[in-house]
Amino acid sequence: MNYTLFRLAPGSYDVLLDGAVIASLVRSGKTDEATWTVELFTEAPPDERPAPFTETEHTFGSLDEAQGWLWRTENQ
């Protein structure tokens, strides 16, 4: 799987999987206290979600953490 991010505005990205937009990645809160949430656009049963999505929404403490989570699937 090949994930890429397309920046829409500061703190907001489209998440692309093999060129198709499947999710959003957005920052919530002030920059130094922000959380980052990745959310799939479609509700799908767990066995139909792209890895590493185990839920439709995942929250992280930083942009780097969210990116690392998405990119880790490329090395498995």
N, C-alpha and C. Protein backbone atom coordinates (compact mmCIF):
# COMPACT_ATOMS: atom_id res chain seq x y z
N MET A 1 0.84 -1.17 0.00
CA MET A 1 0.00 0.00 0.00
C MET A 1 0.88 1.23 0.00
N ASN A 2 0.43 2.24 -0.70
CA ASN A 2 1.22 3.45 -0.82
C ASN A 2 0.37 4.65 -0.41
N TYR A 3 0.62 5.16 0.81
CA TYR A 3 -0.09 6.33 1.30
C TYR A 3 0.70 7.59 0.98
N THR A 4 -0.03 8.65 0.61
CA THR A 4 0.56 9.97 0.46
C THR A 4 -0.40 10.98 1.07
N LEU A 5 0.16 12.14 1.44
CA LEU A 5 -0.66 13.21 1.99
C LEU A 5 -0.66 14.37 1.01
N PHE A 6 -1.83 15.01 0.87
CA PHE A 6 -1.98 16.20 0.05
C PHE A 6 -2.46 17.31 0.96
N ARG A 7 -1.60 18.32 1.15
CA ARG A 7 -1.95 19.40 2.07
C ARG A 7 -3.03 20.29 1.48
N LEU A 8 -4.08 20.51 2.26
CA LEU A 8 -5.19 21.36 1.86
C LEU A 8 -5.04 22.77 2.44
N ALA A 9 -4.68 22.84 3.71
CA ALA A 9 -4.49 24.08 4.46
C ALA A 9 -3.63 23.73 5.66
N PRO A 10 -3.11 24.73 6.38
CA PRO A 10 -2.34 24.39 7.58
C PRO A 10 -3.15 23.49 8.52
N GLY A 11 -2.61 22.33 8.83
CA GLY A 11 -3.27 21.40 9.74
C GLY A 11 -4.34 20.54 9.12
N SER A 12 -4.38 20.46 7.79
CA SER A 12 -5.41 19.68 7.12
C SER A 12 -4.85 19.02 5.86
N TYR A 13 -5.05 17.71 5.78
CA TYR A 13 -4.54 16.93 4.66
C TYR A 13 -5.59 15.95 4.16
N ASP A 14 -5.55 15.67 2.87
CA ASP A 14 -6.23 14.50 2.33
C ASP A 14 -5.25 13.35 2.42
N VAL A 15 -5.74 12.16 2.75
CA VAL A 15 -4.91 10.95 2.77
C VAL A 15 -5.26 10.15 1.53
N LEU A 16 -4.26 9.92 0.70
CA LEU A 16 -4.45 9.17 -0.54
C LEU A 16 -3.85 7.79 -0.41
N LEU A 17 -4.55 6.81 -0.89
CA LEU A 17 -4.06 5.44 -0.95
C LEU A 17 -3.99 5.06 -2.42
N ASP A 18 -2.77 4.86 -2.89
CA ASP A 18 -2.54 4.54 -4.30
C ASP A 18 -3.24 5.55 -5.22
N GLY A 19 -3.20 6.84 -4.83
CA GLY A 19 -3.73 7.92 -5.65
C GLY A 19 -5.18 8.29 -5.43
N ALA A 20 -5.92 7.51 -4.65
CA ALA A 20 -7.33 7.80 -4.38
C ALA A 20 -7.50 8.36 -2.96
N VAL A 21 -8.27 9.43 -2.83
CA VAL A 21 -8.51 10.03 -1.50
C VAL A 21 -9.44 9.12 -0.71
N ILE A 22 -8.95 8.66 0.46
CA ILE A 22 -9.75 7.74 1.28
C ILE A 22 -10.02 8.25 2.68
N ALA A 23 -9.26 9.29 3.10
CA ALA A 23 -9.38 9.75 4.49
C ALA A 23 -8.91 11.19 4.60
N SER A 24 -9.14 11.75 5.78
CA SER A 24 -8.62 13.07 6.09
C SER A 24 -7.69 12.96 7.29
N LEU A 25 -6.76 13.89 7.38
CA LEU A 25 -5.85 14.00 8.52
C LEU A 25 -5.91 15.46 8.94
N VAL A 26 -6.41 15.72 10.14
CA VAL A 26 -6.58 17.10 10.59
C VAL A 26 -6.02 17.30 11.99
N ARG A 27 -5.55 18.53 12.21
CA ARG A 27 -5.04 18.93 13.51
C ARG A 27 -6.17 19.57 14.30
N SER A 28 -6.24 19.25 15.59
CA SER A 28 -7.21 19.87 16.49
C SER A 28 -6.44 20.49 17.65
N GLY A 29 -6.72 21.72 17.94
CA GLY A 29 -6.09 22.38 19.06
C GLY A 29 -4.92 23.24 18.65
N LYS A 30 -4.32 23.88 19.65
CA LYS A 30 -3.16 24.74 19.42
C LYS A 30 -1.97 23.90 18.99
N THR A 31 -1.09 24.52 18.24
CA THR A 31 0.05 23.80 17.65
C THR A 31 0.84 23.00 18.68
N ASP A 32 1.15 23.58 19.84
CA ASP A 32 1.96 22.87 20.83
C ASP A 32 1.17 21.85 21.64
N GLU A 33 -0.16 21.89 21.57
CA GLU A 33 -1.01 20.95 22.30
C GLU A 33 -1.92 20.15 21.36
N ALA A 34 -1.63 20.19 20.10
CA ALA A 34 -2.53 19.63 19.09
C ALA A 34 -2.56 18.10 19.12
N THR A 35 -3.71 17.59 18.72
CA THR A 35 -3.82 16.18 18.39
C THR A 35 -4.12 16.10 16.90
N TRP A 36 -3.79 14.98 16.30
CA TRP A 36 -4.00 14.76 14.87
C TRP A 36 -4.91 13.55 14.72
N THR A 37 -5.96 13.68 13.91
CA THR A 37 -6.92 12.61 13.72
C THR A 37 -6.99 12.22 12.25
N VAL A 38 -6.86 10.91 12.01
CA VAL A 38 -7.04 10.35 10.68
C VAL A 38 -8.40 9.68 10.67
N GLU A 39 -9.25 10.05 9.70
CA GLU A 39 -10.59 9.49 9.64
C GLU A 39 -10.91 9.03 8.22
N LEU A 40 -11.31 7.77 8.10
CA LEU A 40 -11.74 7.25 6.81
C LEU A 40 -13.02 7.93 6.37
N PHE A 41 -13.19 8.14 5.08
CA PHE A 41 -14.40 8.77 4.56
C PHE A 41 -15.57 7.80 4.49
N THR A 42 -15.33 6.52 4.40
CA THR A 42 -16.41 5.55 4.29
C THR A 42 -16.42 4.62 5.49
N GLU A 43 -17.61 4.26 5.91
CA GLU A 43 -17.77 3.26 6.96
C GLU A 43 -17.64 1.89 6.30
N ALA A 44 -16.69 1.13 6.74
CA ALA A 44 -16.50 -0.21 6.17
C ALA A 44 -16.31 -1.20 7.30
N PRO A 45 -16.72 -2.44 7.09
CA PRO A 45 -16.46 -3.47 8.09
C PRO A 45 -14.95 -3.59 8.32
N PRO A 46 -14.55 -4.00 9.51
CA PRO A 46 -13.12 -4.08 9.82
C PRO A 46 -12.29 -4.85 8.78
N ASP A 47 -12.82 -5.92 8.23
CA ASP A 47 -12.05 -6.72 7.29
C ASP A 47 -11.93 -6.07 5.91
N GLU A 48 -12.65 -4.96 5.68
CA GLU A 48 -12.58 -4.25 4.40
C GLU A 48 -11.81 -2.93 4.49
N ARG A 49 -11.36 -2.57 5.69
CA ARG A 49 -10.60 -1.33 5.88
C ARG A 49 -9.16 -1.55 5.44
N PRO A 50 -8.55 -0.52 4.83
CA PRO A 50 -7.15 -0.66 4.45
C PRO A 50 -6.27 -0.66 5.70
N ALA A 51 -5.20 -1.45 5.69
CA ALA A 51 -4.25 -1.44 6.80
C ALA A 51 -3.60 -0.07 6.85
N PRO A 52 -3.33 0.44 8.00
CA PRO A 52 -3.44 -0.12 9.34
C PRO A 52 -4.73 0.25 10.07
N PHE A 53 -5.77 0.67 9.37
CA PHE A 53 -7.02 1.09 10.01
C PHE A 53 -7.73 -0.10 10.66
N THR A 54 -7.81 -0.07 11.99
CA THR A 54 -8.61 -1.05 12.73
C THR A 54 -9.95 -0.43 13.13
N GLU A 55 -10.00 0.90 13.11
CA GLU A 55 -11.21 1.68 13.36
C GLU A 55 -11.33 2.68 12.21
N THR A 56 -12.44 3.39 12.15
CA THR A 56 -12.58 4.40 11.10
C THR A 56 -11.87 5.70 11.47
N GLU A 57 -11.49 5.84 12.74
CA GLU A 57 -10.83 7.05 13.21
C GLU A 57 -9.71 6.69 14.19
N HIS A 58 -8.55 7.33 14.00
CA HIS A 58 -7.41 7.13 14.90
C HIS A 58 -6.83 8.50 15.24
N THR A 59 -6.43 8.69 16.51
CA THR A 59 -5.90 9.97 16.97
C THR A 59 -4.47 9.80 17.45
N PHE A 60 -3.64 10.82 17.15
CA PHE A 60 -2.21 10.78 17.45
C PHE A 60 -1.78 12.09 18.10
N GLY A 61 -0.66 12.05 18.77
CA GLY A 61 -0.13 13.22 19.46
C GLY A 61 0.66 14.16 18.58
N SER A 62 1.00 13.75 17.37
CA SER A 62 1.77 14.61 16.47
C SER A 62 1.55 14.18 15.02
N LEU A 63 1.89 15.07 14.11
CA LEU A 63 1.84 14.75 12.69
C LEU A 63 2.81 13.63 12.37
N ASP A 64 4.01 13.69 12.94
CA ASP A 64 5.00 12.64 12.71
C ASP A 64 4.50 11.27 13.14
N GLU A 65 3.82 11.23 14.27
CA GLU A 65 3.27 9.96 14.77
C GLU A 65 2.22 9.41 13.81
N ALA A 66 1.34 10.28 13.31
CA ALA A 66 0.31 9.86 12.37
C ALA A 66 0.94 9.36 11.07
N GLN A 67 1.93 10.08 10.56
CA GLN A 67 2.61 9.66 9.34
C GLN A 67 3.32 8.33 9.53
N GLY A 68 3.99 8.17 10.65
CA GLY A 68 4.67 6.91 10.94
C GLY A 68 3.72 5.74 10.97
N TRP A 69 2.54 5.96 11.52
CA TRP A 69 1.51 4.92 11.58
C TRP A 69 1.07 4.54 10.17
N LEU A 70 0.82 5.53 9.31
CA LEU A 70 0.43 5.24 7.92
C LEU A 70 1.55 4.57 7.15
N TRP A 71 2.76 5.05 7.28
CA TRP A 71 3.88 4.56 6.48
C TRP A 71 4.33 3.17 6.92
N ARG A 72 4.07 2.78 8.15
CA ARG A 72 4.56 1.48 8.64
C ARG A 72 4.03 0.31 7.81
N THR A 73 2.89 0.47 7.18
CA THR A 73 2.33 -0.62 6.39
C THR A 73 3.18 -0.92 5.17
N GLU A 74 3.97 0.06 4.73
CA GLU A 74 4.81 -0.14 3.55
C GLU A 74 5.99 -1.05 3.85
N ASN A 75 6.34 -1.19 5.13
CA ASN A 75 7.51 -1.99 5.51
C ASN A 75 7.13 -3.35 6.09
N GLN A 76 5.85 -3.69 6.06
CA GLN A 76 5.44 -4.99 6.63
C GLN A 76 5.36 -6.04 5.56
